[in-house]
Amino acid sequence: MIIKIRLDTIYKVKEFVGLADRYDGKVEVSSGRSMVNGKSILGILSLDLSDDLFVKVEEKEDSYCFLQELQTWGLCMEGMQG
């Protein structure tokens, strides 16, 4: 699944990484041509945070719960895509 998010503050980056770290599957965050591990604060901070980011989530049993948590925290810009 791929979703679009906005992490325009350090607080949002911290919350995102905390949520991603609790998720068992692989989380990749991309901006332009760069892709980083979504469980790495330093990796995410290396991206252009002034632009929208795309999150690719490995489909596991708890992937829907992880994406729901992102929406609850207000991190999602758009709905989920297959």
PDB file of N, CA and C in Angstrom:
ATOM      1  N   MET A   1       0.832  -1.175   0.000  1.00  0.00           N
ATOM      2  CA  MET A   1       0.000   0.000   0.000  1.00  0.00           C
ATOM      3  C   MET A   1       0.881   1.243   0.000  1.00  0.00           C
ATOM      4  N   ILE A   2       0.412   2.283  -0.660  1.00  0.00           N
ATOM      5  CA  ILE A   2       1.139   3.544  -0.710  1.00  0.00           C
ATOM      6  C   ILE A   2       0.198   4.667  -0.303  1.00  0.00           C
ATOM      7  N   ILE A   3       0.689   5.550   0.579  1.00  0.00           N
ATOM      8  CA  ILE A   3      -0.092   6.713   0.980  1.00  0.00           C
ATOM      9  C   ILE A   3       0.788   7.955   0.906  1.00  0.00           C
ATOM     10  N   LYS A   4       0.154   9.106   0.787  1.00  0.00           N
ATOM     11  CA  LYS A   4       0.872  10.373   0.777  1.00  0.00           C
ATOM     12  C   LYS A   4       0.742  11.003   2.159  1.00  0.00           C
ATOM     13  N   ILE A   5       1.873  11.478   2.683  1.00  0.00           N
ATOM     14  CA  ILE A   5       1.874  12.100   3.999  1.00  0.00           C
ATOM     15  C   ILE A   5       2.616  13.428   3.954  1.00  0.00           C
ATOM     16  N   ARG A   6       2.463  14.193   5.024  1.00  0.00           N
ATOM     17  CA  ARG A   6       3.204  15.442   5.190  1.00  0.00           C
ATOM     18  C   ARG A   6       3.835  15.412   6.572  1.00  0.00           C
ATOM     19  N   LEU A   7       5.165  15.490   6.614  1.00  0.00           N
ATOM     20  CA  LEU A   7       5.908  15.523   7.874  1.00  0.00           C
ATOM     21  C   LEU A   7       6.684  16.831   7.916  1.00  0.00           C
ATOM     22  N   ASP A   8       5.980  17.921   8.143  1.00  0.00           N
ATOM     23  CA  ASP A   8       6.603  19.239   8.032  1.00  0.00           C
ATOM     24  C   ASP A   8       7.109  19.806   9.356  1.00  0.00           C
ATOM     25  N   THR A   9       7.076  18.999  10.418  1.00  0.00           N
ATOM     26  CA  THR A   9       7.656  19.415  11.696  1.00  0.00           C
ATOM     27  C   THR A   9       8.436  18.245  12.297  1.00  0.00           C
ATOM     28  N   ILE A  10       9.366  18.571  13.162  1.00  0.00           N
ATOM     29  CA  ILE A  10      10.136  17.523  13.852  1.00  0.00           C
ATOM     30  C   ILE A  10       9.202  16.655  14.690  1.00  0.00           C
ATOM     31  N   TYR A  11       8.194  17.270  15.297  1.00  0.00           N
ATOM     32  CA  TYR A  11       7.227  16.523  16.096  1.00  0.00           C
ATOM     33  C   TYR A  11       6.535  15.450  15.252  1.00  0.00           C
ATOM     34  N   LYS A  12       6.113  15.810  14.038  1.00  0.00           N
ATOM     35  CA  LYS A  12       5.448  14.838  13.166  1.00  0.00           C
ATOM     36  C   LYS A  12       6.398  13.724  12.752  1.00  0.00           C
ATOM     37  N   VAL A  13       7.651  14.061  12.493  1.00  0.00           N
ATOM     38  CA  VAL A  13       8.641  13.030  12.144  1.00  0.00           C
ATOM     39  C   VAL A  13       8.791  12.058  13.308  1.00  0.00           C
ATOM     40  N   LYS A  14       8.914  12.593  14.515  1.00  0.00           N
ATOM     41  CA  LYS A  14       9.068  11.755  15.708  1.00  0.00           C
ATOM     42  C   LYS A  14       7.863  10.840  15.897  1.00  0.00           C
ATOM     43  N   GLU A  15       6.657  11.387  15.742  1.00  0.00           N
ATOM     44  CA  GLU A  15       5.445  10.579  15.894  1.00  0.00           C
ATOM     45  C   GLU A  15       5.375   9.499  14.810  1.00  0.00           C
ATOM     46  N   PHE A  16       5.697   9.857  13.582  1.00  0.00           N
ATOM     47  CA  PHE A  16       5.663   8.891  12.485  1.00  0.00           C
ATOM     48  C   PHE A  16       6.628   7.745  12.746  1.00  0.00           C
ATOM     49  N   VAL A  17       7.858   8.067  13.112  1.00  0.00           N
ATOM     50  CA  VAL A  17       8.860   7.021  13.352  1.00  0.00           C
ATOM     51  C   VAL A  17       8.438   6.131  14.521  1.00  0.00           C
ATOM     52  N   GLY A  18       7.841   6.723  15.546  1.00  0.00           N
ATOM     53  CA  GLY A  18       7.341   5.926  16.665  1.00  0.00           C
ATOM     54  C   GLY A  18       6.267   4.943  16.237  1.00  0.00           C
ATOM     55  N   LEU A  19       5.347   5.407  15.394  1.00  0.00           N
ATOM     56  CA  LEU A  19       4.292   4.519  14.881  1.00  0.00           C
ATOM     57  C   LEU A  19       4.884   3.441  13.979  1.00  0.00           C
ATOM     58  N   ALA A  20       5.796   3.837  13.100  1.00  0.00           N
ATOM     59  CA  ALA A  20       6.406   2.890  12.167  1.00  0.00           C
ATOM     60  C   ALA A  20       7.219   1.833  12.904  1.00  0.00           C
ATOM     61  N   ASP A  21       7.875   2.239  13.976  1.00  0.00           N
ATOM     62  CA  ASP A  21       8.709   1.312  14.736  1.00  0.00           C
ATOM     63  C   ASP A  21       7.884   0.220  15.399  1.00  0.00           C
ATOM     64  N   ARG A  22       6.651   0.533  15.764  1.00  0.00           N
ATOM     65  CA  ARG A  22       5.769  -0.473  16.379  1.00  0.00           C
ATOM     66  C   ARG A  22       5.187  -1.437  15.353  1.00  0.00           C
ATOM     67  N   TYR A  23       5.248  -1.082  14.072  1.00  0.00           N
ATOM     68  CA  TYR A  23       4.714  -1.916  12.998  1.00  0.00           C
ATOM     69  C   TYR A  23       5.737  -2.988  12.626  1.00  0.00           C
ATOM     70  N   ASP A  24       5.280  -4.218  12.432  1.00  0.00           N
ATOM     71  CA  ASP A  24       6.193  -5.331  12.146  1.00  0.00           C
ATOM     72  C   ASP A  24       6.758  -5.318  10.731  1.00  0.00           C
ATOM     73  N   GLY A  25       6.023  -4.777   9.780  1.00  0.00           N
ATOM     74  CA  GLY A  25       6.442  -4.825   8.382  1.00  0.00           C
ATOM     75  C   GLY A  25       7.420  -3.729   8.009  1.00  0.00           C
ATOM     76  N   LYS A  26       7.826  -3.788   6.747  1.00  0.00           N
ATOM     77  CA  LYS A  26       8.768  -2.823   6.197  1.00  0.00           C
ATOM     78  C   LYS A  26       8.021  -1.532   5.843  1.00  0.00           C
ATOM     79  N   VAL A  27       8.616  -0.381   6.188  1.00  0.00           N
ATOM     80  CA  VAL A  27       8.037   0.927   5.899  1.00  0.00           C
ATOM     81  C   VAL A  27       9.099   1.728   5.148  1.00  0.00           C
ATOM     82  N   GLU A  28       8.780   2.157   3.936  1.00  0.00           N
ATOM     83  CA  GLU A  28       9.703   2.958   3.138  1.00  0.00           C
ATOM     84  C   GLU A  28       9.066   4.321   2.873  1.00  0.00           C
ATOM     85  N   VAL A  29       9.865   5.378   3.030  1.00  0.00           N
ATOM     86  CA  VAL A  29       9.395   6.731   2.789  1.00  0.00           C
ATOM     87  C   VAL A  29      10.204   7.293   1.638  1.00  0.00           C
ATOM     88  N   SER A  30       9.515   7.894   0.665  1.00  0.00           N
ATOM     89  CA  SER A  30      10.218   8.448  -0.487  1.00  0.00           C
ATOM     90  C   SER A  30       9.809   9.886  -0.758  1.00  0.00           C
ATOM     91  N   SER A  31      10.757  10.606  -1.320  1.00  0.00           N
ATOM     92  CA  SER A  31      10.566  11.982  -1.764  1.00  0.00           C
ATOM     93  C   SER A  31      11.383  12.132  -3.029  1.00  0.00           C
ATOM     94  N   GLY A  32      10.714  12.413  -4.133  1.00  0.00           N
ATOM     95  CA  GLY A  32      11.445  12.488  -5.402  1.00  0.00           C
ATOM     96  C   GLY A  32      12.064  11.143  -5.726  1.00  0.00           C
ATOM     97  N   ARG A  33      13.375  11.137  -5.907  1.00  0.00           N
ATOM     98  CA  ARG A  33      14.077   9.902  -6.256  1.00  0.00           C
ATOM     99  C   ARG A  33      14.717   9.223  -5.052  1.00  0.00           C
ATOM    100  N   SER A  34      14.575   9.797  -3.879  1.00  0.00           N
ATOM    101  CA  SER A  34      15.186   9.245  -2.662  1.00  0.00           C
ATOM    102  C   SER A  34      14.187   8.394  -1.893  1.00  0.00           C
ATOM    103  N   MET A  35      14.672   7.259  -1.380  1.00  0.00           N
ATOM    104  CA  MET A  35      13.835   6.387  -0.563  1.00  0.00           C
ATOM    105  C   MET A  35      14.638   5.988   0.677  1.00  0.00           C
ATOM    106  N   VAL A  36      13.979   6.070   1.852  1.00  0.00           N
ATOM    107  CA  VAL A  36      14.654   5.749   3.107  1.00  0.00           C
ATOM    108  C   VAL A  36      13.781   4.822   3.946  1.00  0.00           C
ATOM    109  N   ASN A  37      14.402   4.235   4.961  1.00  0.00           N
ATOM    110  CA  ASN A  37      13.698   3.398   5.926  1.00  0.00           C
ATOM    111  C   ASN A  37      12.801   4.302   6.779  1.00  0.00           C
ATOM    112  N   GLY A  38      11.514   4.003   6.824  1.00  0.00           N
ATOM    113  CA  GLY A  38      10.569   4.808   7.581  1.00  0.00           C
ATOM    114  C   GLY A  38      10.709   4.684   9.080  1.00  0.00           C
ATOM    115  N   LYS A  39      11.584   3.800   9.543  1.00  0.00           N
ATOM    116  CA  LYS A  39      11.803   3.628  10.975  1.00  0.00           C
ATOM    117  C   LYS A  39      13.064   4.361  11.432  1.00  0.00           C
ATOM    118  N   SER A  40      13.644   5.163  10.536  1.00  0.00           N
ATOM    119  CA  SER A  40      14.880   5.878  10.816  1.00  0.00           C
ATOM    120  C   SER A  40      14.630   7.391  10.827  1.00  0.00           C
ATOM    121  N   ILE A  41      14.793   7.994  11.992  1.00  0.00           N
ATOM    122  CA  ILE A  41      14.618   9.454  12.080  1.00  0.00           C
ATOM    123  C   ILE A  41      15.622  10.158  11.183  1.00  0.00           C
ATOM    124  N   LEU A  42      16.876   9.739  11.232  1.00  0.00           N
ATOM    125  CA  LEU A  42      17.892  10.383  10.406  1.00  0.00           C
ATOM    126  C   LEU A  42      17.606  10.215   8.919  1.00  0.00           C
ATOM    127  N   GLY A  43      17.115   9.041   8.541  1.00  0.00           N
ATOM    128  CA  GLY A  43      16.770   8.822   7.141  1.00  0.00           C
ATOM    129  C   GLY A  43      15.679   9.773   6.686  1.00  0.00           C
ATOM    130  N   ILE A  44      14.640   9.908   7.471  1.00  0.00           N
ATOM    131  CA  ILE A  44      13.527  10.792   7.105  1.00  0.00           C
ATOM    132  C   ILE A  44      13.975  12.243   7.092  1.00  0.00           C
ATOM    133  N   LEU A  45      14.812  12.638   8.065  1.00  0.00           N
ATOM    134  CA  LEU A  45      15.287  14.017   8.099  1.00  0.00           C
ATOM    135  C   LEU A  45      16.197  14.349   6.918  1.00  0.00           C
ATOM    136  N   SER A  46      16.718  13.326   6.243  1.00  0.00           N
ATOM    137  CA  SER A  46      17.556  13.570   5.063  1.00  0.00           C
ATOM    138  C   SER A  46      16.718  13.884   3.821  1.00  0.00           C
ATOM    139  N   LEU A  47      15.399  13.675   3.907  1.00  0.00           N
ATOM    140  CA  LEU A  47      14.513  13.954   2.779  1.00  0.00           C
ATOM    141  C   LEU A  47      14.080  15.417   2.780  1.00  0.00           C
ATOM    142  N   ASP A  48      13.514  15.856   1.671  1.00  0.00           N
ATOM    143  CA  ASP A  48      12.972  17.216   1.561  1.00  0.00           C
ATOM    144  C   ASP A  48      11.603  17.225   2.229  1.00  0.00           C
ATOM    145  N   LEU A  49      11.546  17.685   3.477  1.00  0.00           N
ATOM    146  CA  LEU A  49      10.309  17.649   4.247  1.00  0.00           C
ATOM    147  C   LEU A  49       9.347  18.769   3.867  1.00  0.00           C
ATOM    148  N   SER A  50       9.765  19.669   3.006  1.00  0.00           N
ATOM    149  CA  SER A  50       8.856  20.733   2.565  1.00  0.00           C
ATOM    150  C   SER A  50       7.912  20.230   1.475  1.00  0.00           C
ATOM    151  N   ASP A  51       8.167  19.041   0.980  1.00  0.00           N
ATOM    152  CA  ASP A  51       7.351  18.432  -0.069  1.00  0.00           C
ATOM    153  C   ASP A  51       6.562  17.266   0.517  1.00  0.00           C
ATOM    154  N   ASP A  52       5.551  16.817  -0.212  1.00  0.00           N
ATOM    155  CA  ASP A  52       4.805  15.634   0.207  1.00  0.00           C
ATOM    156  C   ASP A  52       5.716  14.412   0.137  1.00  0.00           C
ATOM    157  N   LEU A  53       5.487  13.482   1.036  1.00  0.00           N
ATOM    158  CA  LEU A  53       6.237  12.233   1.074  1.00  0.00           C
ATOM    159  C   LEU A  53       5.288  11.087   0.767  1.00  0.00           C
ATOM    160  N   PHE A  54       5.842  10.008   0.259  1.00  0.00           N
ATOM    161  CA  PHE A  54       5.051   8.821  -0.029  1.00  0.00           C
ATOM    162  C   PHE A  54       5.556   7.678   0.823  1.00  0.00           C
ATOM    163  N   VAL A  55       4.624   6.972   1.453  1.00  0.00           N
ATOM    164  CA  VAL A  55       4.953   5.865   2.332  1.00  0.00           C
ATOM    165  C   VAL A  55       4.472   4.576   1.697  1.00  0.00           C
ATOM    166  N   LYS A  56       5.398   3.649   1.547  1.00  0.00           N
ATOM    167  CA  LYS A  56       5.066   2.317   1.047  1.00  0.00           C
ATOM    168  C   LYS A  56       5.144   1.359   2.221  1.00  0.00           C
ATOM    169  N   VAL A  57       4.042   0.659   2.469  1.00  0.00           N
ATOM    170  CA  VAL A  57       3.936  -0.230   3.621  1.00  0.00           C
ATOM    171  C   VAL A  57       3.812  -1.667   3.142  1.00  0.00           C
ATOM    172  N   GLU A  58       4.676  -2.514   3.681  1.00  0.00           N
ATOM    173  CA  GLU A  58       4.587  -3.940   3.389  1.00  0.00           C
ATOM    174  C   GLU A  58       3.284  -4.465   3.983  1.00  0.00           C
ATOM    175  N   GLU A  59       2.531  -5.191   3.185  1.00  0.00           N
ATOM    176  CA  GLU A  59       1.231  -5.675   3.655  1.00  0.00           C
ATOM    177  C   GLU A  59       1.416  -6.856   4.604  1.00  0.00           C
ATOM    178  N   LYS A  60       1.024  -6.610   5.829  1.00  0.00           N
ATOM    179  CA  LYS A  60       1.056  -7.616   6.889  1.00  0.00           C
ATOM    180  C   LYS A  60      -0.295  -7.568   7.581  1.00  0.00           C
ATOM    181  N   GLU A  61      -0.479  -8.393   8.606  1.00  0.00           N
ATOM    182  CA  GLU A  61      -1.751  -8.417   9.338  1.00  0.00           C
ATOM    183  C   GLU A  61      -2.097  -7.065   9.943  1.00  0.00           C
ATOM    184  N   ASP A  62      -1.098  -6.363  10.454  1.00  0.00           N
ATOM    185  CA  ASP A  62      -1.362  -5.103  11.145  1.00  0.00           C
ATOM    186  C   ASP A  62      -1.154  -3.857  10.280  1.00  0.00           C
ATOM    187  N   SER A  63      -0.981  -4.019   8.966  1.00  0.00           N
ATOM    188  CA  SER A  63      -0.720  -2.858   8.117  1.00  0.00           C
ATOM    189  C   SER A  63      -1.903  -1.891   8.095  1.00  0.00           C
ATOM    190  N   TYR A  64      -3.123  -2.410   8.088  1.00  0.00           N
ATOM    191  CA  TYR A  64      -4.288  -1.526   8.088  1.00  0.00           C
ATOM    192  C   TYR A  64      -4.348  -0.715   9.386  1.00  0.00           C
ATOM    193  N   CYS A  65      -4.027  -1.348  10.508  1.00  0.00           N
ATOM    194  CA  CYS A  65      -4.025  -0.637  11.804  1.00  0.00           C
ATOM    195  C   CYS A  65      -2.970   0.469  11.804  1.00  0.00           C
ATOM    196  N   PHE A  66      -1.805   0.191  11.238  1.00  0.00           N
ATOM    197  CA  PHE A  66      -0.751   1.196  11.154  1.00  0.00           C
ATOM    198  C   PHE A  66      -1.227   2.400  10.340  1.00  0.00           C
ATOM    199  N   LEU A  67      -1.842   2.149   9.199  1.00  0.00           N
ATOM    200  CA  LEU A  67      -2.327   3.241   8.350  1.00  0.00           C
ATOM    201  C   LEU A  67      -3.468   4.004   9.022  1.00  0.00           C
ATOM    202  N   GLN A  68      -4.303   3.305   9.765  1.00  0.00           N
ATOM    203  CA  GLN A  68      -5.370   3.980  10.514  1.00  0.00           C
ATOM    204  C   GLN A  68      -4.775   4.906  11.579  1.00  0.00           C
ATOM    205  N   GLU A  69      -3.711   4.455  12.240  1.00  0.00           N
ATOM    206  CA  GLU A  69      -3.052   5.295  13.243  1.00  0.00           C
ATOM    207  C   GLU A  69      -2.476   6.555  12.597  1.00  0.00           C
ATOM    208  N   LEU A  70      -1.905   6.430  11.408  1.00  0.00           N
ATOM    209  CA  LEU A  70      -1.383   7.600  10.706  1.00  0.00           C
ATOM    210  C   LEU A  70      -2.504   8.604  10.434  1.00  0.00           C
ATOM    211  N   GLN A  71      -3.664   8.100  10.042  1.00  0.00           N
ATOM    212  CA  GLN A  71      -4.797   8.988   9.797  1.00  0.00           C
ATOM    213  C   GLN A  71      -5.280   9.623  11.096  1.00  0.00           C
ATOM    214  N   THR A  72      -5.307   8.862  12.175  1.00  0.00           N
ATOM    215  CA  THR A  72      -5.724   9.388  13.476  1.00  0.00           C
ATOM    216  C   THR A  72      -4.812  10.523  13.929  1.00  0.00           C
ATOM    217  N   TRP A  73      -3.509  10.396  13.699  1.00  0.00           N
ATOM    218  CA  TRP A  73      -2.553  11.425  14.079  1.00  0.00           C
ATOM    219  C   TRP A  73      -2.548  12.594  13.098  1.00  0.00           C
ATOM    220  N   GLY A  74      -3.303  12.495  12.009  1.00  0.00           N
ATOM    221  CA  GLY A  74      -3.361  13.573  11.033  1.00  0.00           C
ATOM    222  C   GLY A  74      -2.156  13.664  10.141  1.00  0.00           C
ATOM    223  N   LEU A  75      -1.467  12.560   9.945  1.00  0.00           N
ATOM    224  CA  LEU A  75      -0.263  12.553   9.122  1.00  0.00           C
ATOM    225  C   LEU A  75      -0.552  12.255   7.660  1.00  0.00           C
ATOM    226  N   CYS A  76      -1.703  11.641   7.369  1.00  0.00           N
ATOM    227  CA  CYS A  76      -2.049  11.270   5.998  1.00  0.00           C
ATOM    228  C   CYS A  76      -2.613  12.451   5.236  1.00  0.00           C
ATOM    229  N   MET A  77      -2.163  12.592   4.000  1.00  0.00           N
ATOM    230  CA  MET A  77      -2.701  13.626   3.118  1.00  0.00           C
ATOM    231  C   MET A  77      -3.840  13.075   2.286  1.00  0.00           C
ATOM    232  N   GLU A  78      -3.764  11.814   1.922  1.00  0.00           N
ATOM    233  CA  GLU A  78      -4.770  11.171   1.084  1.00  0.00           C
ATOM    234  C   GLU A  78      -5.015   9.766   1.601  1.00  0.00           C
ATOM    235  N   GLY A  79      -6.070   9.161   1.076  1.00  0.00           N
ATOM    236  CA  GLY A  79      -6.414   7.805   1.460  1.00  0.00           C
ATOM    237  C   GLY A  79      -5.422   6.781   0.965  1.00  0.00           C
ATOM    238  N   MET A  80      -5.665   5.559   1.309  1.00  0.00           N
ATOM    239  CA  MET A  80      -4.791   4.461   0.967  1.00  0.00           C
ATOM    240  C   MET A  80      -4.979   4.030  -0.476  1.00  0.00           C
ATOM    241  N   GLN A  81      -3.882   3.600  -1.082  1.00  0.00           N
ATOM    242  CA  GLN A  81      -3.903   3.068  -2.433  1.00  0.00           C
ATOM    243  C   GLN A  81      -3.339   1.657  -2.402  1.00  0.00           C
ATOM    244  N   GLY A  82      -3.861   0.807  -3.259  1.00  0.00           N
ATOM    245  CA  GLY A  82      -3.409  -0.576  -3.300  1.00  0.00           C
ATOM    246  C   GLY A  82      -2.102  -0.710  -3.824  1.00  0.00           C
TER     247      GLY A  82
END
